[in-house]
């Protein structure tokens, strides 16, 4: 929180400024002009840009996890002597509440994560414009980042207020190759093949789930419906940007296809409505589910090294798009920039903060995080070390993931507050006699209240 200024502190500040002025005069070249200094080179280890002996940057974000950031921050501090980083990683929902509040009260922060969607408009007045700082730190920055990702970042605010570290997409389907091998079935490319897996599990009286999905978290069901809608068209973009209504035939069809997965027994509502994100993930990583539906941010499950170090009890993991449910559909996902990073307007160390952002977006820090598969980087020219992908399943899955993210059907530029509300209607669909038509109308009616604008 911002602290009030007392009189003693003010007097001390005046004396300090006076002393600094004298010191500055002492460094002049005798003709009244300061001595020329050598600009800092951002790629080399350096002292702090501001010339202070030591700076501690306070960095708040929500993703990736603190354990993934730990070696990255250590490398940054090693290559940038004089700059320390105090990292705080919060749960996503907490971050959505606490970070904007901290900015508005001018809390002592230097670097913040920025979620796309509603957040950039909400906090942009409390963030510094970045282009001038970027030009000083890395003049060629536009040549080392995906051009479209920068355009998407600019579309989220009145100017470039954050840089996108990565893009993510949803929903995809992770599969347990061991279970499919036991059943003698291939990774499903079609809806019929997906149904074969759930049918075979029932026939063999297996206690394993067919699909683990966190239906208790309403937003997850909303993401699933929009993925299904994307198999037919770019309806999400039409709704998000052009005012298309959700009670028409296209969205109603997507809701009906969503319901069909449950009616056909591929997903059990009795199981998944008791599961949240964490428990559905645990069901998969403990080897108790053939499939796990989530976003591309879970792609580190493809890495054998990650599975071993995180007690994931699955020998081989692959990823596929959710098969098309309707005959004229095409398996696809939505994707968009994610994991933005910006500098609060009240940061005391904006140039040092830019050094950290440079490292995380364009430098070695981005390579290190991208190699964990916790996100898909927007940095141009990145390729994972071949030794990371230890099985043919992992190698093919990485290619699948890259293709899906490169050619999405629509943006994953979510209206997060409304996603929870829409998801609650989908939960109601599963546990009541409410029809897909009634569900689509109820979702549109809630949207028309104006409480969740598509800003």
Protein backbone atom coordinates (compact mmCIF):
# COMPACT_ATOMS: atom_id res chain seq x y z
CA UNK A 1 0.00 0.00 0.00
CA UNK A 2 1.17 3.54 -0.64
CA UNK A 3 2.38 5.16 2.56
CA UNK A 4 1.65 8.78 3.61
CA UNK A 5 4.61 11.19 3.46
CA UNK A 6 5.64 12.77 6.77
CA UNK A 7 7.43 16.09 7.21
CA UNK A 8 10.72 14.62 8.43
CA UNK A 9 10.84 12.37 5.40
CA UNK A 10 10.13 15.39 3.13
CA UNK A 11 13.03 17.36 4.64
CA UNK A 12 15.34 14.40 4.22
CA UNK A 13 14.23 14.10 0.60
CA UNK A 14 15.06 17.78 -0.09
CA UNK A 15 18.54 17.36 1.40
CA UNK A 16 19.07 14.22 -0.60
CA UNK A 17 18.06 15.91 -3.86
CA UNK A 18 20.40 18.83 -3.05
CA UNK A 19 23.28 16.44 -2.38
CA UNK A 20 22.58 14.57 -5.64
CA UNK A 21 22.54 17.87 -7.54
CA UNK A 22 25.99 18.72 -6.18
CA UNK A 23 27.24 15.28 -7.12
CA UNK A 24 25.89 15.66 -10.65
CA UNK A 25 27.64 19.02 -11.03
CA UNK A 26 30.84 17.30 -9.97
CA UNK A 27 30.64 14.91 -12.94
CA UNK A 28 30.31 17.62 -15.57
CA UNK A 29 33.06 18.11 -18.15
CA UNK A 30 33.62 21.70 -17.17
CA UNK A 31 31.49 23.35 -19.83
CA UNK A 32 28.23 22.91 -18.01
CA UNK A 33 27.26 19.68 -19.78
CA UNK A 34 27.34 16.24 -18.18
CA UNK A 35 29.94 13.75 -19.32
CA UNK A 36 28.78 11.38 -22.05
CA UNK A 37 28.11 7.89 -20.74
CA UNK A 38 28.17 4.55 -22.52
CA UNK A 39 24.65 3.14 -22.96
CA UNK A 40 24.00 -0.18 -21.28
CA UNK A 41 23.99 -3.17 -23.62
CA UNK A 42 20.95 -5.21 -22.69
CA UNK A 43 22.39 -8.54 -23.79
CA UNK A 44 25.37 -8.33 -21.47
CA UNK A 45 25.54 -8.70 -17.72
CA UNK A 46 25.49 -5.21 -16.31
CA UNK A 47 25.00 -3.14 -13.28
CA UNK A 48 21.61 -1.55 -12.88
CA UNK A 49 20.64 0.89 -15.58
CA UNK A 50 19.88 3.58 -13.06
CA UNK A 51 23.34 3.22 -11.54
CA UNK A 52 22.07 2.19 -8.12
CA UNK A 53 24.17 -0.38 -6.30
CA UNK A 54 21.36 -2.84 -5.82
CA UNK A 55 17.74 -3.01 -6.88
CA UNK A 56 15.07 -5.50 -5.88
CA UNK A 57 12.27 -5.85 -8.42
CA UNK A 58 8.89 -6.92 -7.08
CA UNK A 59 7.23 -9.18 -9.65
CA UNK A 60 3.67 -10.52 -9.33
CA UNK A 61 2.19 -13.03 -11.72
CA UNK A 62 0.03 -16.14 -11.86
CA UNK A 63 1.72 -18.43 -14.39
CA UNK A 64 3.88 -20.51 -14.76
CA UNK A 65 4.40 -21.92 -11.30
CA UNK A 66 7.02 -20.63 -8.88
CA UNK A 67 9.11 -23.80 -9.22
CA UNK A 68 9.38 -23.26 -13.00
CA UNK A 69 10.32 -19.61 -12.50
CA UNK A 70 12.97 -20.40 -9.86
CA UNK A 71 15.89 -21.36 -12.18
CA UNK A 72 14.89 -18.61 -14.62
CA UNK A 73 15.05 -15.92 -11.94
CA UNK A 74 18.35 -17.34 -10.70
CA UNK A 75 19.80 -17.10 -14.22
CA UNK A 76 18.54 -13.53 -14.57
CA UNK A 77 20.13 -12.48 -11.29
CA UNK A 78 23.37 -14.22 -12.29
CA UNK A 79 23.55 -12.36 -15.61
CA UNK A 80 22.27 -9.04 -14.25
CA UNK A 81 24.38 -8.27 -11.17
CA UNK A 82 22.82 -5.70 -8.92
CA UNK A 83 19.24 -6.70 -9.71
CA UNK A 84 17.32 -9.08 -7.47
CA UNK A 85 13.80 -10.32 -8.12
CA UNK A 86 11.17 -10.88 -5.46
CA UNK A 87 8.68 -13.17 -7.19
CA UNK A 88 5.08 -13.80 -6.11
CA UNK A 89 3.01 -16.35 -8.04
CA UNK A 90 -0.68 -16.40 -7.11
CA UNK A 91 -3.57 -18.66 -8.02
CA UNK A 92 -5.28 -17.22 -11.10
CA UNK A 93 -8.52 -16.08 -9.43
CA UNK A 94 -6.64 -14.43 -6.55
CA UNK A 95 -4.38 -12.69 -9.03
CA UNK A 96 -7.38 -11.28 -10.96
CA UNK A 97 -8.53 -9.59 -7.77
CA UNK A 98 -5.36 -8.66 -5.90
CA UNK A 99 -3.13 -7.39 -8.69
CA UNK A 100 -5.52 -4.67 -10.05
CA UNK A 101 -6.20 -3.60 -6.49
CA UNK A 102 -2.48 -3.33 -5.78
CA UNK A 103 -1.96 -1.18 -8.88
CA UNK A 104 -4.83 1.14 -8.02
CA UNK A 105 -3.43 1.71 -4.52
CA UNK A 106 0.08 2.26 -5.91
CA UNK A 107 1.57 -0.69 -4.12
CA UNK A 108 5.30 -1.08 -4.53
CA UNK A 109 5.47 -3.28 -7.66
CA UNK A 110 7.86 -3.24 -10.64
CA UNK A 111 6.69 -6.01 -13.00
CA UNK A 112 3.24 -7.61 -13.26
CA UNK A 113 1.70 -10.38 -15.28
CA UNK A 114 -1.26 -9.32 -17.43
CA UNK A 115 -4.07 -11.68 -18.32
CA UNK A 116 -5.73 -11.03 -21.65
CA UNK A 117 -9.47 -10.46 -21.84
CA UNK A 118 -10.99 -7.90 -19.51
CA UNK A 119 -7.86 -7.17 -17.48
CA UNK A 120 -5.87 -4.93 -19.89
CA UNK A 121 -8.68 -2.35 -20.19
CA UNK A 122 -9.14 -2.44 -16.44
CA UNK A 123 -5.52 -1.73 -15.53
CA UNK A 124 -4.02 0.07 -18.53
CA UNK A 125 -4.06 3.48 -16.81
CA UNK A 126 -1.77 2.01 -14.16
CA UNK A 127 0.77 0.61 -16.65
CA UNK A 128 3.63 2.37 -18.43
CA UNK A 129 3.63 2.56 -22.25
CA UNK A 130 6.43 0.23 -23.31
CA UNK A 131 7.58 1.25 -26.78
CA UNK A 132 10.08 3.92 -25.70
CA UNK A 133 11.61 1.69 -23.01
CA UNK A 134 11.74 -1.17 -25.51
CA UNK A 135 13.51 0.93 -28.12
CA UNK A 136 16.18 1.80 -25.58
CA UNK A 137 16.62 -1.74 -24.25
CA UNK A 138 16.36 -3.70 -27.50
CA UNK A 139 16.05 -1.63 -30.69
CA UNK A 140 15.38 -4.72 -32.87
CA UNK A 141 12.69 -6.16 -30.59
CA UNK A 142 10.04 -6.36 -33.31
CA UNK A 143 12.21 -8.79 -35.29
CA UNK A 144 12.30 -11.40 -32.51
CA UNK A 145 8.62 -11.70 -31.65
CA UNK A 146 5.64 -12.93 -33.62
CA UNK A 147 4.12 -9.89 -35.35
CA UNK A 148 0.54 -11.06 -34.85
CA UNK A 149 1.07 -11.46 -31.11
CA UNK A 150 2.14 -7.80 -30.86
CA UNK A 151 -0.91 -6.72 -32.85
CA UNK A 152 -3.12 -8.74 -30.49
CA UNK A 153 -1.45 -7.10 -27.46
CA UNK A 154 -2.04 -3.63 -28.89
CA UNK A 155 -5.69 -4.48 -29.53
CA UNK A 156 -6.14 -5.12 -25.81
CA UNK A 157 -5.28 -1.56 -24.70
CA UNK A 158 -4.95 1.96 -26.07
CA UNK A 159 -1.24 1.43 -26.76
CA UNK A 160 1.42 -1.22 -26.11
CA UNK A 161 1.05 -1.59 -22.34
CA UNK A 162 2.29 -5.18 -22.07
CA UNK A 163 4.24 -7.74 -24.06
CA UNK A 164 2.98 -11.28 -24.63
CA UNK A 165 5.40 -13.94 -23.42
CA UNK A 166 3.37 -16.72 -24.99
CA UNK A 167 0.12 -17.90 -26.53
CA UNK A 168 -2.20 -20.61 -25.25
CA UNK A 169 -5.15 -22.49 -26.66
CA UNK A 170 -8.07 -24.56 -25.45
CA UNK A 171 -9.39 -27.17 -25.15
CA UNK A 172 -7.23 -30.12 -26.17
CA UNK A 173 -7.36 -33.74 -25.13
CA UNK A 174 -4.37 -35.34 -23.41
CA UNK A 175 -4.32 -39.13 -23.60
CA UNK A 176 -2.76 -41.92 -21.58
CA UNK A 177 -1.00 -44.03 -24.20
CA UNK A 178 -0.55 -46.88 -21.71
CA UNK A 179 -4.33 -47.28 -21.23
CA UNK A 180 -4.99 -47.16 -24.98
CA UNK A 181 -2.31 -49.84 -25.50
CA UNK A 182 -3.95 -52.04 -22.87
CA UNK A 183 -7.29 -51.66 -24.67
CA UNK A 184 -5.68 -52.30 -28.06
CA UNK A 185 -7.11 -49.05 -29.42
CA UNK A 186 -5.44 -46.14 -31.27
CA UNK A 187 -5.41 -42.52 -30.20
CA UNK A 188 -8.85 -41.44 -31.45
CA UNK A 189 -8.98 -39.31 -34.55
CA UNK A 190 -12.78 -39.46 -34.89
CA UNK A 191 -15.75 -39.20 -32.56
CA UNK A 192 -16.57 -42.89 -33.21
CA UNK A 193 -13.04 -43.91 -32.16
CA UNK A 194 -13.36 -41.79 -29.02
CA UNK A 195 -16.62 -43.55 -28.19
CA UNK A 196 -14.91 -46.93 -28.76
CA UNK A 197 -12.54 -46.15 -25.88
CA UNK A 198 -15.31 -45.42 -23.39
CA UNK A 199 -17.32 -48.45 -24.60
CA UNK A 200 -14.30 -50.73 -24.23
CA UNK A 201 -13.59 -49.47 -20.73
CA UNK A 202 -17.16 -50.34 -19.73
CA UNK A 203 -16.99 -53.76 -21.42
CA UNK A 204 -13.84 -54.65 -19.52
CA UNK A 205 -15.41 -53.39 -16.27
CA UNK A 206 -12.40 -51.13 -15.82
CA UNK A 207 -12.46 -48.78 -12.85
CA UNK A 208 -10.72 -46.13 -14.93
CA UNK A 209 -12.47 -43.03 -16.20
CA UNK A 210 -12.81 -42.44 -19.91
CA UNK A 211 -12.48 -38.64 -19.70
CA UNK A 212 -11.41 -36.48 -16.75
CA UNK A 213 -12.70 -32.92 -16.98
CA UNK A 214 -13.30 -30.46 -14.16
CA UNK A 215 -17.04 -29.94 -14.60
CA UNK A 216 -17.38 -28.53 -11.09
CA UNK A 217 -15.54 -25.44 -12.34
CA UNK A 218 -18.14 -23.78 -14.55
CA UNK A 219 -15.64 -21.94 -16.76
CA UNK A 220 -14.18 -25.27 -17.91
CA UNK A 221 -17.53 -26.37 -19.37
CA UNK A 222 -17.84 -22.98 -21.10
CA UNK A 223 -14.39 -23.49 -22.65
CA UNK A 224 -15.46 -26.95 -23.81
CA UNK A 225 -18.59 -25.63 -25.53
CA UNK A 226 -16.62 -22.90 -27.33
CA UNK A 227 -14.12 -25.51 -28.52
CA UNK A 228 -17.01 -27.55 -29.92
CA UNK A 229 -18.49 -24.41 -31.53
CA UNK A 230 -15.10 -23.79 -33.13
CA UNK A 231 -15.36 -27.12 -34.95
CA UNK A 232 -18.05 -25.51 -37.08
CA UNK A 233 -17.15 -21.81 -37.41
CA UNK A 234 -15.56 -18.70 -35.86
CA UNK A 235 -18.75 -18.09 -33.89
CA UNK A 236 -16.77 -16.98 -30.82
CA UNK A 237 -15.18 -14.07 -32.73
CA UNK A 238 -18.57 -13.11 -34.15
CA UNK A 239 -19.99 -12.96 -30.62
CA UNK A 240 -16.93 -11.39 -28.97
CA UNK A 241 -16.33 -8.62 -31.52
CA UNK A 242 -19.42 -8.29 -33.76
CA UNK A 243 -22.40 -8.67 -31.45
CA UNK A 244 -23.61 -12.06 -32.67
CA UNK A 245 -26.25 -13.44 -30.29
CA UNK A 246 -25.97 -16.76 -28.50
CA UNK A 247 -29.59 -17.90 -28.81
CA UNK A 248 -29.27 -18.60 -32.53
CA UNK A 249 -28.93 -21.99 -34.24
CA UNK A 250 -25.10 -22.11 -34.27
CA UNK A 251 -24.54 -21.78 -30.53
CA UNK A 252 -27.56 -23.95 -29.79
CA UNK A 253 -26.01 -26.64 -31.99
CA UNK A 254 -22.74 -26.38 -30.04
CA UNK A 255 -24.64 -26.83 -26.76
CA UNK A 256 -26.49 -29.85 -28.21
CA UNK A 257 -23.18 -31.41 -29.32
CA UNK A 258 -21.77 -30.78 -25.84
CA UNK A 259 -24.77 -32.61 -24.35
CA UNK A 260 -24.29 -35.48 -26.82
CA UNK A 261 -20.86 -36.35 -25.35
CA UNK A 262 -22.57 -37.03 -22.03
CA UNK A 263 -25.60 -38.81 -23.50
CA UNK A 264 -23.28 -41.15 -25.44
CA UNK A 265 -21.47 -42.02 -22.24
CA UNK A 266 -18.09 -40.67 -23.32
CA UNK A 267 -18.03 -38.32 -20.35
CA UNK A 268 -19.89 -39.30 -17.19
CA UNK A 269 -21.72 -36.36 -15.63
CA UNK A 270 -21.88 -38.26 -12.32
CA UNK A 271 -18.08 -38.28 -12.23
CA UNK A 272 -17.05 -34.95 -13.68
CA UNK A 273 -19.55 -32.66 -11.93
CA UNK A 274 -17.83 -33.60 -8.69
CA UNK A 275 -14.40 -32.82 -10.16
CA UNK A 276 -12.71 -29.44 -10.23
CA UNK A 277 -9.62 -28.58 -12.21
CA UNK A 278 -7.22 -30.02 -9.66
CA UNK A 279 -9.01 -33.30 -9.04
CA UNK A 280 -9.55 -33.93 -12.76
CA UNK A 281 -5.87 -33.40 -13.37
CA UNK A 282 -5.02 -35.70 -10.48
CA UNK A 283 -7.28 -38.42 -11.93
CA UNK A 284 -5.26 -38.28 -15.15
CA UNK A 285 -1.78 -37.91 -13.70
CA UNK A 286 -2.39 -40.82 -11.31
CA UNK A 287 -3.21 -43.07 -14.26
CA UNK A 288 -6.94 -43.29 -13.48
CA UNK A 289 -8.29 -41.69 -16.67
CA UNK A 290 -7.72 -42.38 -20.37
CA UNK A 291 -8.18 -38.72 -21.34
CA UNK A 292 -7.86 -35.31 -19.70
CA UNK A 293 -9.46 -32.25 -21.28
CA UNK A 294 -7.67 -28.98 -20.60
CA UNK A 295 -5.77 -26.14 -22.27
CA UNK A 296 -2.38 -26.21 -23.95
CA UNK A 297 -0.84 -24.84 -20.75
CA UNK A 298 -0.74 -28.44 -19.51
CA UNK A 299 1.55 -29.49 -22.38
CA UNK A 300 4.45 -30.16 -20.02
CA UNK A 301 2.72 -33.51 -19.45
CA UNK A 302 4.34 -34.52 -22.76
CA UNK A 303 7.77 -34.33 -21.15
CA UNK A 304 9.09 -37.51 -19.57
CA UNK A 305 11.38 -35.42 -17.35
CA UNK A 306 8.40 -33.43 -16.05
CA UNK A 307 6.37 -36.56 -15.38
CA UNK A 308 9.19 -38.18 -13.44
CA UNK A 309 9.90 -35.14 -11.31
CA UNK A 310 6.21 -34.53 -10.57
CA UNK A 311 5.12 -38.08 -9.74
CA UNK A 312 2.93 -38.39 -12.84
CA UNK A 313 2.06 -42.07 -13.03
CA UNK A 314 1.72 -42.29 -16.82
CA UNK A 315 4.46 -43.76 -19.00
CA UNK A 316 3.61 -41.96 -22.23
CA UNK A 317 1.31 -38.99 -22.83
CA UNK A 318 0.03 -37.61 -26.12
CA UNK A 319 -2.25 -34.77 -27.15
CA UNK A 320 -4.99 -34.50 -29.75
CA UNK A 321 -7.72 -32.04 -30.63
CA UNK A 322 -11.16 -33.11 -29.45
CA UNK A 323 -12.57 -35.11 -32.39
CA UNK A 324 -15.30 -33.39 -34.40
CA UNK A 325 -18.67 -34.29 -32.93
CA UNK A 326 -20.79 -33.39 -35.94
CA UNK A 327 -20.15 -34.80 -39.42
CA UNK A 328 -19.31 -31.41 -40.95
CA UNK A 329 -17.00 -30.35 -38.11
CA UNK A 330 -13.23 -29.94 -38.07
CA UNK A 331 -11.11 -30.63 -34.96
CA UNK A 332 -9.65 -27.33 -33.84
CA UNK A 333 -8.98 -25.05 -30.89
CA UNK A 334 -9.16 -21.35 -30.08
CA UNK A 335 -5.89 -19.60 -29.25
CA UNK A 336 -4.73 -16.15 -28.23
CA UNK A 337 -1.85 -14.37 -26.60
CA UNK A 338 -1.52 -15.03 -22.92
CA UNK A 339 0.91 -14.38 -20.13
CA UNK A 340 1.37 -10.69 -20.79
CA UNK A 341 3.94 -8.77 -18.81
CA UNK A 342 4.05 -5.04 -18.05
CA UNK A 343 5.49 -2.33 -15.81
CA UNK A 344 3.33 -0.49 -13.26
CA UNK A 345 3.24 3.28 -13.76
CA UNK A 346 4.49 3.76 -10.20
CA UNK A 347 7.45 1.39 -10.49
CA UNK A 348 10.56 2.89 -8.90
CA UNK A 349 12.80 0.93 -11.26
CA UNK A 350 11.28 0.96 -14.77
CA UNK A 351 14.56 0.49 -16.65
CA UNK A 352 15.61 -2.45 -14.50
CA UNK A 353 12.08 -3.81 -14.88
CA UNK A 354 12.51 -3.60 -18.64
CA UNK A 355 15.70 -5.66 -18.35
CA UNK A 356 13.69 -8.41 -16.67
CA UNK A 357 10.95 -8.20 -19.31
CA UNK A 358 13.57 -8.33 -22.06
CA UNK A 359 14.99 -11.51 -20.50
CA UNK A 360 11.55 -13.14 -20.13
CA UNK A 361 10.12 -12.21 -23.54
CA UNK A 362 13.11 -12.07 -25.90
CA UNK A 363 16.01 -13.62 -24.02
CA UNK A 364 17.26 -16.77 -22.39
CA UNK A 365 14.51 -16.70 -19.78
CA UNK A 366 11.88 -17.19 -22.46
CA UNK A 367 13.80 -20.15 -23.92
CA UNK A 368 14.05 -21.73 -20.47
CA UNK A 369 10.32 -21.39 -19.77
CA UNK A 370 9.30 -22.47 -23.27
CA UNK A 371 11.44 -25.61 -22.84
CA UNK A 372 9.23 -26.60 -19.90
CA UNK A 373 6.22 -26.60 -22.28
CA UNK A 374 4.29 -24.57 -19.74
CA UNK A 375 3.41 -22.26 -22.64
CA UNK A 376 4.00 -21.82 -26.36
CA UNK A 377 6.34 -18.90 -26.89
CA UNK A 378 5.77 -15.97 -29.25
CA UNK A 379 9.52 -15.59 -29.68
CA UNK A 380 10.47 -16.26 -33.29
CA UNK A 381 12.82 -19.13 -34.12
CA UNK A 382 12.37 -21.11 -30.91
CA UNK A 383 12.62 -24.91 -31.20
CA UNK A 384 12.73 -27.28 -28.23
CA UNK A 385 15.79 -29.40 -27.67
CA UNK A 386 15.18 -32.72 -29.44
CA UNK A 387 16.21 -34.62 -26.31
CA UNK A 388 13.10 -33.33 -24.50
CA UNK A 389 10.69 -35.30 -26.67
CA UNK A 390 11.63 -38.88 -25.80
CA UNK A 391 8.89 -40.88 -27.53
CA UNK A 392 7.25 -40.88 -30.99
CA UNK A 393 3.99 -39.98 -29.23
CA UNK A 394 5.58 -36.89 -27.67
CA UNK A 395 7.25 -35.87 -30.94
CA UNK A 396 4.03 -36.15 -32.96
CA UNK A 397 2.05 -34.44 -30.20
CA UNK A 398 4.36 -31.42 -30.13
CA UNK A 399 3.83 -31.00 -33.88
CA UNK A 400 0.06 -31.37 -33.41
CA UNK A 401 0.10 -28.76 -30.67
CA UNK A 402 2.11 -26.30 -32.75
CA UNK A 403 -0.23 -26.71 -35.73
CA UNK A 404 -3.34 -26.23 -33.59
CA UNK A 405 -1.96 -23.05 -32.04
CA UNK A 406 -0.83 -21.70 -35.39
CA UNK A 407 -4.18 -22.21 -37.09
CA UNK A 408 -6.95 -21.62 -34.56
CA UNK A 409 -10.59 -21.34 -35.55
CA UNK A 410 -11.13 -18.33 -33.30
CA UNK A 411 -9.46 -16.23 -30.61
CA UNK A 412 -9.30 -17.47 -27.05
CA UNK A 413 -9.87 -13.92 -25.88
CA UNK A 414 -12.20 -14.89 -23.10
CA UNK A 415 -14.74 -12.76 -21.30
CA UNK A 416 -13.76 -14.49 -18.07
CA UNK A 417 -16.50 -13.18 -15.74
CA UNK A 418 -19.17 -14.26 -18.20
CA UNK A 419 -17.49 -17.63 -18.76
CA UNK A 420 -18.37 -18.62 -15.20
CA UNK A 421 -21.99 -17.55 -15.66
CA UNK A 422 -22.41 -19.40 -18.96
CA UNK A 423 -20.79 -22.48 -17.47
CA UNK A 424 -23.35 -22.55 -14.68
CA UNK A 425 -26.12 -22.86 -17.28
CA UNK A 426 -24.24 -25.77 -18.86
CA UNK A 427 -24.06 -27.46 -15.46
CA UNK A 428 -27.82 -26.96 -15.18
CA UNK A 429 -28.27 -28.58 -18.60
CA UNK A 430 -26.50 -31.70 -17.35
CA UNK A 431 -28.45 -32.11 -14.13
CA UNK A 432 -31.95 -31.03 -15.17
CA UNK A 433 -34.43 -31.35 -18.00
CA UNK A 434 -33.35 -28.01 -19.47
CA UNK A 435 -32.88 -28.38 -23.25
CA UNK A 436 -29.99 -27.04 -25.37
CA UNK A 437 -32.37 -24.41 -26.82
CA UNK A 438 -33.41 -23.28 -23.34
CA UNK A 439 -29.78 -23.27 -22.23
CA UNK A 440 -28.65 -21.10 -25.13
CA UNK A 441 -31.53 -18.67 -24.49
CA UNK A 442 -30.72 -18.51 -20.77
CA UNK A 443 -27.06 -17.73 -21.54
CA UNK A 444 -28.00 -14.99 -24.01
CA UNK A 445 -30.53 -13.54 -21.54
CA UNK A 446 -27.84 -13.32 -18.86
CA UNK A 447 -25.45 -11.67 -21.29
CA UNK A 448 -28.10 -9.08 -22.18
CA UNK A 449 -28.21 -7.89 -18.58
CA UNK A 450 -25.11 -5.88 -19.45
CA UNK A 451 -23.22 -7.04 -16.39
CA UNK A 452 -20.56 -8.79 -18.47
CA UNK A 453 -19.81 -6.54 -21.45
CA UNK A 454 -17.54 -7.74 -24.25
CA UNK A 455 -15.05 -4.91 -23.78
